[in-house]
Protein backbone atom coordinates (compact mmCIF):
# COMPACT_ATOMS: atom_id res chain seq x y z
CA MET A 1 4.76 -62.00 -28.68
CA GLN A 2 4.38 -62.71 -32.39
CA ASN A 3 7.03 -61.56 -35.04
CA MET A 4 5.62 -58.34 -36.40
CA SER A 5 6.53 -59.46 -39.90
CA CYS A 6 4.05 -62.18 -39.41
CA LYS A 7 0.89 -60.52 -37.85
CA ILE A 8 -1.28 -63.58 -38.24
CA TYR A 9 0.49 -66.87 -37.61
CA MET A 10 -1.48 -69.79 -39.27
CA ASP A 11 1.27 -72.47 -39.44
CA HIS A 12 1.23 -74.15 -36.01
CA ALA A 13 1.69 -77.57 -37.82
CA ALA A 14 5.41 -76.31 -38.78
CA THR A 15 6.10 -75.28 -35.36
CA THR A 16 4.64 -73.26 -32.14
CA GLU A 17 5.86 -70.39 -30.08
CA MET A 18 7.47 -71.59 -27.04
CA LEU A 19 5.48 -70.55 -23.99
CA PRO A 20 6.85 -68.18 -21.25
CA GLN A 21 6.24 -70.70 -18.61
CA VAL A 22 8.39 -73.14 -20.67
CA ARG A 23 11.26 -70.88 -21.00
CA LYS A 24 11.03 -70.26 -17.18
CA ALA A 25 11.09 -73.88 -16.29
CA MET A 26 14.20 -74.31 -18.69
CA GLU A 27 16.22 -71.38 -17.50
CA PRO A 28 17.93 -72.86 -14.50
CA TYR A 29 19.28 -75.76 -16.44
CA LEU A 30 20.72 -73.40 -19.16
CA MET A 31 22.64 -71.46 -16.62
CA GLU A 32 23.47 -72.49 -13.00
CA GLU A 33 22.15 -75.91 -13.18
CA TYR A 34 24.48 -77.05 -16.06
CA GLY A 35 25.95 -80.44 -14.38
CA ASN A 36 26.09 -83.47 -16.59
CA ALA A 37 23.37 -85.65 -15.55
CA SER A 38 25.57 -88.69 -15.75
CA THR A 39 28.02 -87.59 -12.99
CA SER A 40 27.84 -88.53 -9.38
CA TYR A 41 28.37 -85.29 -7.47
CA GLU A 42 25.64 -83.16 -6.35
CA MET A 43 25.37 -80.70 -9.37
CA GLY A 44 24.95 -83.74 -11.60
CA ARG A 45 22.59 -85.38 -9.28
CA ARG A 46 20.22 -82.49 -9.39
CA THR A 47 20.19 -82.49 -13.28
CA ARG A 48 19.54 -86.13 -13.07
CA GLU A 49 16.59 -85.70 -10.69
CA ALA A 50 15.32 -82.97 -13.24
CA LEU A 51 15.70 -85.31 -16.03
CA GLU A 52 14.03 -88.21 -14.38
CA GLY A 53 11.22 -85.97 -13.01
CA ALA A 54 10.57 -84.80 -16.63
CA ARG A 55 10.30 -88.58 -17.75
CA GLU A 56 7.79 -89.32 -14.95
CA GLN A 57 5.59 -86.27 -15.74
CA ILE A 58 5.53 -87.09 -19.36
CA ALA A 59 4.71 -90.66 -18.49
CA MET A 60 1.84 -89.59 -16.15
CA LEU A 61 0.45 -87.13 -18.75
CA ILE A 62 0.08 -89.76 -21.40
CA LYS A 63 -0.86 -92.63 -19.09
CA ALA A 64 2.37 -94.52 -19.58
CA LYS A 65 5.23 -95.64 -17.28
CA PRO A 66 8.42 -93.78 -16.87
CA GLU A 67 10.75 -96.69 -18.25
CA GLU A 68 8.58 -96.43 -21.37
CA ILE A 69 9.83 -93.01 -22.33
CA PHE A 70 13.01 -92.37 -24.27
CA PHE A 71 14.27 -88.94 -25.06
CA THR A 72 15.30 -87.97 -28.72
CA SER A 73 16.10 -84.81 -30.67
CA GLY A 74 12.58 -84.88 -32.09
CA GLY A 75 9.93 -86.75 -34.17
CA SER A 76 12.23 -87.54 -37.11
CA GLU A 77 14.80 -89.44 -34.94
CA SER A 78 12.11 -91.22 -33.07
CA ASP A 79 10.60 -92.34 -36.47
CA ASN A 80 13.96 -93.36 -37.77
CA TRP A 81 14.83 -95.26 -34.55
CA VAL A 82 11.69 -97.38 -34.70
CA ILE A 83 11.42 -98.05 -38.32
CA LYS A 84 15.17 -98.89 -39.25
CA ASN A 85 16.16 -100.52 -35.96
CA VAL A 86 13.10 -102.53 -35.01
CA ALA A 87 13.01 -103.74 -38.52
CA ALA A 88 16.57 -104.72 -38.32
CA GLU A 89 15.86 -106.51 -34.99
CA LYS A 90 13.12 -108.54 -36.46
CA LYS A 91 14.63 -109.57 -39.69
CA GLU A 92 14.83 -113.33 -38.83
CA LYS A 93 10.98 -113.20 -38.61
CA GLY A 94 10.81 -111.53 -41.88
CA LYS A 95 11.54 -108.30 -43.88
CA HIS A 96 8.12 -107.07 -44.75
CA VAL A 97 7.02 -103.60 -43.28
CA ILE A 98 3.71 -101.58 -44.08
CA THR A 99 3.10 -97.90 -43.98
CA SER A 100 0.78 -95.57 -45.71
CA LYS A 101 1.31 -93.29 -48.61
CA ILE A 102 0.63 -90.12 -46.72
CA GLU A 103 3.19 -90.43 -43.91
CA HIS A 104 5.47 -87.94 -42.86
CA HIS A 105 8.78 -87.97 -44.83
CA ALA A 106 10.92 -89.14 -41.79
CA VAL A 107 8.74 -92.28 -42.02
CA LEU A 108 8.76 -92.44 -45.84
CA ARG A 109 12.49 -91.95 -46.26
CA SER A 110 13.28 -94.45 -43.50
CA CYS A 111 11.31 -96.89 -45.41
CA GLU A 112 13.19 -96.10 -48.62
CA TYR A 113 16.18 -96.76 -46.72
CA LEU A 114 14.93 -100.22 -45.73
CA GLU A 115 14.02 -100.93 -49.35
CA LYS A 116 17.71 -100.47 -50.40
CA LEU A 117 18.72 -102.94 -47.77
CA GLY A 118 16.27 -105.55 -49.39
CA TYR A 119 13.31 -105.27 -47.39
CA GLU A 120 9.77 -105.38 -48.88
CA LEU A 121 7.61 -102.23 -48.24
CA THR A 122 3.98 -102.00 -48.85
CA TYR A 123 2.42 -98.48 -48.92
CA LEU A 124 -1.34 -98.36 -48.01
CA ASP A 125 -3.35 -96.36 -50.28
CA VAL A 126 -6.01 -93.87 -48.67
CA ASP A 127 -9.35 -92.79 -49.51
CA ALA A 128 -10.38 -89.19 -50.69
CA TYR A 129 -10.38 -88.00 -47.03
CA GLY A 130 -6.97 -89.42 -46.23
CA VAL A 131 -8.22 -92.45 -44.28
CA ILE A 132 -6.13 -95.57 -44.86
CA ASP A 133 -7.64 -98.45 -46.56
CA LEU A 134 -8.24 -101.09 -43.98
CA ALA A 135 -9.31 -103.85 -46.39
CA GLN A 136 -6.04 -103.46 -48.27
CA LEU A 137 -4.11 -103.84 -44.81
CA ARG A 138 -6.03 -106.83 -44.08
CA GLU A 139 -4.92 -108.29 -47.71
CA VAL A 140 -1.26 -107.50 -47.60
CA LEU A 141 -0.55 -108.38 -43.91
CA ARG A 142 1.55 -111.55 -43.92
CA GLU A 143 3.23 -113.78 -41.54
CA ASP A 144 6.50 -112.15 -42.30
CA THR A 145 5.28 -108.62 -41.61
CA THR A 146 7.23 -107.33 -38.73
CA LEU A 147 6.15 -103.66 -38.49
CA VAL A 148 3.15 -101.40 -39.30
CA SER A 149 3.65 -97.61 -39.09
CA VAL A 150 0.55 -95.38 -39.48
CA MET A 151 0.49 -91.81 -38.39
CA THR A 152 -2.20 -90.75 -35.74
CA GLY A 153 -3.04 -87.44 -37.49
CA ASN A 154 -1.69 -86.19 -40.83
CA ASN A 155 0.40 -83.23 -40.93
CA GLU A 156 -0.99 -81.69 -44.13
CA ILE A 157 -4.59 -82.37 -44.17
CA GLY A 158 -5.16 -83.08 -40.46
CA THR A 159 -7.09 -86.65 -41.06
CA ILE A 160 -7.07 -88.71 -37.87
CA GLU A 161 -6.42 -92.42 -38.61
CA PRO A 162 -8.24 -95.29 -37.24
CA LEU A 163 -5.48 -96.76 -35.15
CA ASP A 164 -7.78 -99.03 -33.05
CA ALA A 165 -9.01 -100.77 -36.11
CA VAL A 166 -5.40 -101.33 -37.25
CA ALA A 167 -4.37 -102.61 -33.81
CA SER A 168 -7.22 -104.95 -33.85
CA MET A 169 -6.22 -106.39 -37.12
CA LEU A 170 -2.73 -106.83 -35.71
CA ARG A 171 -3.58 -108.54 -32.53
CA GLY A 172 -2.04 -111.92 -32.05
CA THR A 173 -0.02 -111.72 -35.28
CA GLY A 174 3.11 -110.66 -33.62
CA THR A 175 3.44 -107.57 -35.80
CA LEU A 176 4.65 -104.45 -34.05
CA PHE A 177 2.66 -101.18 -34.55
CA HIS A 178 4.26 -97.73 -34.54
CA THR A 179 2.52 -94.35 -34.87
CA ASP A 180 3.88 -90.90 -35.64
CA ALA A 181 1.97 -88.73 -33.17
CA VAL A 182 3.91 -85.63 -33.82
CA GLN A 183 0.94 -83.50 -34.85
CA ALA A 184 -1.56 -85.10 -32.64
CA ILE A 185 0.11 -85.09 -29.13
CA GLY A 186 -1.15 -81.99 -27.31
CA GLN A 187 -3.95 -81.41 -29.78
CA ILE A 188 -6.12 -84.51 -28.96
CA PRO A 189 -6.41 -86.62 -25.98
CA LEU A 190 -3.86 -89.57 -25.99
CA SER A 191 -3.58 -92.40 -23.40
CA MET A 192 -1.11 -95.22 -23.72
CA ASN A 193 -3.54 -97.15 -21.65
CA GLN A 194 -6.20 -96.94 -24.42
CA LEU A 195 -4.05 -96.20 -27.55
CA PRO A 196 -3.04 -99.80 -28.68
CA VAL A 197 0.23 -99.12 -30.20
CA ASP A 198 3.73 -100.40 -29.42
CA TYR A 199 5.82 -97.27 -30.35
CA LEU A 200 4.77 -93.52 -30.44
CA SER A 201 6.83 -90.62 -31.70
CA ALA A 202 6.51 -87.02 -30.37
CA SER A 203 8.16 -83.60 -30.81
CA ALA A 204 8.10 -80.81 -28.06
CA HIS A 205 8.10 -78.00 -30.58
CA LYS A 206 4.63 -78.84 -31.94
CA PHE A 207 3.13 -78.15 -28.61
CA HIS A 208 4.75 -75.02 -27.58
CA GLY A 209 7.97 -76.76 -26.32
CA PRO A 210 11.38 -76.19 -27.45
CA LYS A 211 13.05 -77.40 -30.69
CA GLY A 212 15.62 -80.17 -30.98
CA VAL A 213 13.86 -82.33 -28.29
CA GLY A 214 11.23 -85.07 -28.36
CA PHE A 215 10.42 -88.53 -27.06
CA LEU A 216 9.67 -92.04 -28.24
CA PHE A 217 7.27 -94.22 -26.31
CA VAL A 218 8.08 -97.84 -26.25
CA ARG A 219 5.69 -100.18 -24.57
CA LYS A 220 7.08 -102.40 -21.80
CA ASP A 221 8.66 -105.77 -23.07
CA ARG A 222 8.80 -104.30 -26.72
CA ASP A 223 12.02 -104.70 -28.70
CA LEU A 224 14.02 -101.42 -28.90
CA PRO A 225 17.56 -101.96 -30.34
CA SER A 226 20.14 -99.13 -29.47
CA TYR A 227 20.35 -96.36 -31.85
CA ILE A 228 23.29 -94.28 -30.78
CA HIS A 229 26.10 -96.23 -29.28
CA GLY A 230 28.50 -94.85 -26.55
CA GLY A 231 27.49 -94.13 -22.99
CA SER A 232 24.80 -95.59 -20.83
CA GLN A 233 22.24 -92.90 -21.24
CA GLU A 234 18.54 -93.73 -21.86
CA ASN A 235 19.08 -97.11 -20.38
CA GLY A 236 21.95 -97.79 -22.66
CA LYS A 237 19.67 -97.37 -25.74
CA ARG A 238 20.71 -93.68 -26.90
CA ALA A 239 24.17 -92.57 -25.99
CA GLY A 240 25.06 -88.65 -25.59
CA THR A 241 24.77 -86.14 -22.85
CA GLU A 242 21.20 -85.44 -22.37
CA ASN A 243 19.46 -82.13 -23.25
CA VAL A 244 18.26 -81.44 -19.74
CA ALA A 245 16.89 -78.03 -20.35
CA GLY A 246 14.99 -79.18 -23.48
CA ILE A 247 13.59 -82.18 -21.90
CA VAL A 248 12.37 -80.13 -18.91
CA GLY A 249 10.74 -77.68 -21.20
CA MET A 250 9.28 -80.40 -23.23
CA ALA A 251 7.61 -81.74 -19.92
CA LYS A 252 6.32 -78.29 -18.85
CA ALA A 253 4.87 -77.64 -22.30
CA LEU A 254 2.98 -81.05 -22.35
CA GLU A 255 1.70 -80.42 -18.96
CA ILE A 256 0.24 -77.20 -20.10
CA ALA A 257 -1.21 -78.61 -23.22
CA VAL A 258 -2.95 -81.39 -21.39
CA GLU A 259 -4.25 -79.42 -18.62
CA GLU A 260 -5.75 -76.71 -21.24
CA MET A 261 -7.04 -79.12 -23.65
CA GLN A 262 -10.55 -79.19 -22.55
CA VAL A 263 -10.89 -75.59 -23.06
CA VAL A 264 -8.59 -74.81 -25.86
CA ARG A 265 -9.58 -77.71 -28.05
CA PRO A 266 -13.44 -77.08 -28.27
CA ARG A 267 -12.50 -73.39 -28.91
CA ILE A 268 -10.14 -74.17 -31.88
CA VAL A 269 -12.54 -76.62 -33.32
CA ARG A 270 -15.40 -74.19 -33.38
CA LEU A 271 -13.01 -71.49 -35.09
CA ARG A 272 -11.87 -74.27 -37.63
CA ASN A 273 -15.54 -75.08 -38.46
CA TYR A 274 -16.34 -71.40 -38.93
CA PHE A 275 -13.32 -70.89 -41.11
CA VAL A 276 -14.18 -73.93 -43.40
CA GLU A 277 -17.90 -72.98 -43.55
CA ARG A 278 -17.28 -69.39 -44.71
CA VAL A 279 -14.48 -70.17 -47.25
CA LEU A 280 -16.48 -72.79 -48.83
CA ARG A 281 -19.43 -70.58 -49.02
CA GLU A 282 -17.79 -67.13 -50.04
CA ILE A 283 -14.85 -68.40 -52.32
CA PRO A 284 -15.95 -70.20 -55.60
CA GLN A 285 -14.10 -73.38 -56.79
CA GLY A 286 -12.71 -74.05 -53.34
CA ARG A 287 -12.56 -77.59 -51.74
CA LEU A 288 -11.65 -78.91 -48.22
CA ASN A 289 -9.01 -81.59 -48.12
CA GLY A 290 -8.96 -84.16 -45.48
CA HIS A 291 -11.97 -85.69 -43.38
CA PRO A 292 -14.49 -83.16 -42.45
CA HIS A 293 -14.79 -84.12 -38.95
CA LYS A 294 -12.13 -86.70 -38.01
CA ARG A 295 -9.35 -84.25 -38.23
CA LEU A 296 -6.96 -82.38 -35.96
CA PRO A 297 -8.50 -79.43 -34.17
CA GLY A 298 -6.64 -76.55 -35.93
CA ASN A 299 -6.01 -77.92 -39.31
CA VAL A 300 -7.57 -76.52 -42.34
CA ASN A 301 -6.40 -77.34 -45.89
CA PHE A 302 -8.02 -76.04 -49.03
CA SER A 303 -7.45 -76.42 -52.72
CA PHE A 304 -8.41 -73.57 -55.05
CA GLU A 305 -9.08 -74.26 -58.63
CA GLY A 306 -6.84 -72.37 -61.07
CA ILE A 307 -4.55 -71.04 -58.36
CA ASP A 308 -0.75 -71.64 -57.62
CA ALA A 309 -0.20 -72.14 -54.04
CA THR A 310 3.24 -70.49 -53.97
CA SER A 311 1.98 -67.24 -55.54
CA LEU A 312 -0.94 -67.27 -53.02
CA LEU A 313 1.30 -67.64 -50.23
CA VAL A 314 3.41 -64.70 -51.14
CA LEU A 315 0.39 -62.34 -51.37
CA LEU A 316 -0.85 -63.86 -48.07
CA GLU A 317 2.36 -62.80 -46.49
CA GLU A 318 2.44 -59.38 -47.92
CA ASP A 319 -0.84 -59.14 -45.80
CA GLY A 320 1.00 -60.28 -42.87
CA ILE A 321 -0.43 -63.92 -42.95
CA CYS A 322 1.94 -66.91 -42.54
CA ALA A 323 0.65 -70.22 -43.93
CA SER A 324 2.10 -73.40 -45.92
CA ALA A 325 1.40 -74.85 -49.16
CA GLY A 326 0.34 -78.39 -49.91
CA SER A 327 2.77 -78.14 -52.95
CA ALA A 328 6.40 -77.14 -52.89
CA CYS A 329 8.33 -75.14 -55.47
CA ASN A 330 11.05 -77.08 -56.84
CA THR A 331 13.42 -75.57 -59.48
CA GLY A 332 10.58 -73.44 -61.01
CA GLN A 333 8.16 -76.19 -61.17
CA THR A 334 5.13 -76.74 -58.87
CA ARG A 335 5.53 -80.29 -57.43
CA ILE A 336 2.21 -81.55 -55.94
CA SER A 337 2.40 -82.90 -52.26
CA HIS A 338 2.56 -86.67 -51.86
CA VAL A 339 -0.55 -86.34 -49.73
CA ILE A 340 -2.62 -84.37 -52.16
CA GLU A 341 -1.55 -86.69 -54.84
CA ALA A 342 -2.65 -89.71 -52.67
CA ILE A 343 -6.12 -88.33 -51.89
CA HIS A 344 -6.51 -87.68 -55.70
CA VAL A 345 -7.40 -83.98 -55.55
CA PRO A 346 -8.31 -83.10 -59.20
CA LYS A 347 -5.45 -81.58 -61.41
CA ASN A 348 -7.05 -78.30 -61.72
CA TYR A 349 -7.20 -77.94 -57.82
CA ALA A 350 -4.09 -79.72 -56.73
CA PRO A 351 -1.59 -76.85 -57.34
CA GLY A 352 -3.67 -74.36 -55.46
CA SER A 353 -3.47 -76.30 -52.18
CA VAL A 354 -2.86 -74.33 -48.92
CA ARG A 355 -2.62 -75.38 -45.31
CA PHE A 356 -3.71 -73.26 -42.51
CA THR A 357 -3.24 -74.46 -38.96
CA MET A 358 -4.55 -72.69 -35.91
CA GLY A 359 -3.19 -72.61 -32.23
CA ARG A 360 -4.08 -71.25 -28.85
CA GLU A 361 -3.78 -67.68 -29.64
CA THR A 362 -5.72 -67.72 -32.85
CA ASP A 363 -8.98 -65.88 -32.67
CA ARG A 364 -11.93 -65.05 -35.03
CA ARG A 365 -10.58 -61.59 -35.86
CA GLN A 366 -7.54 -63.20 -37.40
CA VAL A 367 -9.58 -65.70 -39.13
CA ASP A 368 -11.84 -63.08 -40.61
CA ALA A 369 -8.73 -61.23 -41.81
CA VAL A 370 -7.37 -64.35 -43.47
CA ILE A 371 -10.61 -64.87 -45.23
CA ALA A 372 -10.82 -61.39 -46.64
CA SER A 373 -7.02 -61.91 -47.78
CA LEU A 374 -7.95 -65.05 -49.57
CA LYS A 375 -10.84 -63.48 -51.24
CA LYS A 376 -8.91 -60.63 -52.38
CA ASN A 377 -5.75 -62.44 -53.42
CA ILE A 378 -7.69 -65.41 -55.23
CA GLY A 379 -9.54 -62.89 -57.14
CA LEU A 380 -6.36 -61.09 -58.20
CA LEU A 381 -4.69 -64.51 -59.21
CA ARG A 382 -7.77 -65.46 -61.20
CA GLY A 383 -7.74 -62.11 -63.09
CA GLU A 384 -11.20 -61.25 -61.64
C-alpha cells in the first residue's frame, strides 16, 4: 500500500516498495531462524542452507554460477569493491582506468579516490542521447589500461549503453570490464552467458527487494581481492556476519522480477511511450533526455525551458506526486546534474530537468494525472 502523502509514486529509480512475497520470505530469518550461518550446529546450518539457496537462485536467474555471486550491502559497495580493489590488484600491469562521465557517483567517487593515489583516469564523453563515445574508447585504450567501468543503464536518463561493443573492443587486451547494472537488473533481461562483462553490480531495493543488500557478480577465474578482512564469509573475500534475511528477500524479489518481466516490461514501455508522446505534444518547450528507444522501460526524463526543477517538484508533491530532479539544490543555488551537463542540454532547459520512473503498479490513470499536474504547474511557473 502506497504512502498516502505520495498518492502517485514516480520515483522507482530511487527505490521500490518491498513486495509482500519478499517480506514473507524474509520473516523466518528475522525471527525464529536467527542462527549465525557460520556456526556448525543445526540452527546455523539452516541459515547457511538458506544463504546458499539464495546464492544458487540468483545465479540461476542471471545464468551465472553460484560461486560467481558475492553478497554485499548494495550497489555502492559492489562498485567500490571492484574499482578500488581490482585496480590495486592490477597496478603492476598499469594504473590507467576508463569510465564514463555519466556514471553513478559510487563509480565516479571511487575513480576520484584512485586519482588521489596516482592512478590515471579517462572519462569518456557521451553523445546527446547519453551513449558513450566508442571511437574515443578505442583511442584512449592502452596497454596499461587495467579496468573499464561502464554502466548498463543510466539512472537519470535511462539510456542503455552498448556493452557488447565495449567488450568486443576489450577482447584480447587483458583489460577487465565492470558494469553497474543497479538500474537495469530486474528491468531488462540480463544473462551472464551473453553479457560479456567480468564484474556486475546489483542492489535489491531497485527491484522490490529490501534495502541494504546487493550482490557482485565476478566471472570465474577473474581477480577479486578481499574487500573486508576478518572472517571467512563470502569465500574469504568479504568478512562479516551475513544479512541472511536480506539475502533471502533479494533472491525472492529477483525471482519475481524475472518471472514477470515478459508481462510487466512491455506494459511499462507502452506507458512510457504514451507519457512521452503526450508531454512533448501538449507542453511547449519541453524535451526528452536520453535515447528515445534504447532506454530503461520506466524511465522518462524531461527538461522544460524556463523552469526550475526544484520549484516544479514542490508543486508536484502538493498534488501528491513523487518524482525527482535532474538537478539538485545546493546552498540556494541550482546545480545541474553531471549527466545533464554531459549530454549538453541547452542552458535554458537544463535547470528544468525532472525524472519520472514508473514501476509495476503504475497505470495510465496515474500518468494522466501527472501530465495534468505538469501542464498546470509549468503554466504557473511560467506565469501563463
